[in-house]
Protein backbone atom coordinates (compact mmCIF):
# COMPACT_ATOMS: atom_id res chain seq x y z
CA UNK A 1 0.00 0.00 0.00
CA UNK A 2 1.38 3.43 -0.91
CA UNK A 3 1.84 5.93 1.91
CA UNK A 4 -0.27 9.01 1.08
CA UNK A 5 0.01 10.89 4.36
CA UNK A 6 0.58 14.66 4.29
CA UNK A 7 2.84 16.44 6.76
CA UNK A 8 0.92 19.38 8.19
CA UNK A 9 3.31 20.59 10.88
CA UNK A 10 7.09 20.74 10.84
CA UNK A 11 9.66 21.65 13.45
CA UNK A 12 13.36 22.27 13.73
CA UNK A 13 15.52 19.50 15.16
CA UNK A 14 15.93 19.63 18.94
CA UNK A 15 19.36 20.19 20.52
CA UNK A 16 19.79 16.45 21.04
CA UNK A 17 18.60 15.43 17.54
CA UNK A 18 21.04 15.18 14.66
CA UNK A 19 19.32 14.62 11.34
CA UNK A 20 20.72 13.89 7.90
CA UNK A 21 19.77 12.05 4.74
CA UNK A 22 20.69 8.40 4.52
CA UNK A 23 22.97 9.01 1.53
CA UNK A 24 24.60 12.16 2.93
CA UNK A 25 28.34 12.16 3.56
CA UNK A 26 29.20 12.96 7.15
CA UNK A 27 31.49 15.98 7.19
CA UNK A 28 33.74 17.14 10.00
CA UNK A 29 31.48 20.09 10.91
CA UNK A 30 28.51 17.75 11.50
CA UNK A 31 30.64 15.34 13.52
CA UNK A 32 32.02 18.19 15.64
CA UNK A 33 28.45 19.19 16.53
CA UNK A 34 27.69 15.61 17.62
CA UNK A 35 30.96 15.33 19.56
CA UNK A 36 30.39 18.71 21.28
CA UNK A 37 26.93 17.53 22.35
CA UNK A 38 28.29 14.26 23.76
CA UNK A 39 31.05 16.14 25.61
CA UNK A 40 28.59 18.62 27.12
CA UNK A 41 26.13 15.96 28.25
CA UNK A 42 28.22 13.02 29.41
CA UNK A 43 31.39 12.00 31.23
CA UNK A 44 33.21 11.80 27.91
CA UNK A 45 35.31 14.41 26.17
CA UNK A 46 37.14 14.06 22.89
CA UNK A 47 40.21 15.26 21.11
CA UNK A 48 40.68 15.66 17.38
CA UNK A 49 43.54 13.54 16.07
CA UNK A 50 46.28 15.35 14.16
CA UNK A 51 45.78 14.89 10.42
CA UNK A 52 49.55 14.40 10.07
CA UNK A 53 49.09 11.02 11.77
CA UNK A 54 47.07 9.70 8.82
CA UNK A 55 48.39 8.47 5.49
CA UNK A 56 45.61 10.45 3.79
CA UNK A 57 45.64 14.04 5.16
CA UNK A 58 41.98 14.44 4.19
CA UNK A 59 40.96 11.97 6.90
CA UNK A 60 39.32 13.15 10.12
CA UNK A 61 39.55 11.28 13.40
CA UNK A 62 38.97 11.69 17.11
CA UNK A 63 39.40 9.77 20.30
CA UNK A 64 37.09 9.76 23.30
CA UNK A 65 38.54 10.49 26.75
CA UNK A 66 36.77 9.96 30.06
CA UNK A 67 36.56 13.31 31.88
CA UNK A 68 38.86 13.43 34.87
CA UNK A 69 41.13 10.69 33.43
CA UNK A 70 44.69 12.05 33.52
CA UNK A 71 46.40 8.93 32.14
CA UNK A 72 47.21 10.13 28.63
């Protein structure tokens, strides 16, 4: 059966909702928004990995760190 519903009301995404199309590439700006949200609302923080550590300098990476953990 074909879905023929009509959307009557729309809203902006909430602060804790991150929405994208299924075929969309995830860029570093979007990921930074997600990571900032996690860091602000959990016991985890993150640090961006230096691009010089990757074979391909266009790569983007991060590592999670438990807040208050000084064993780096």
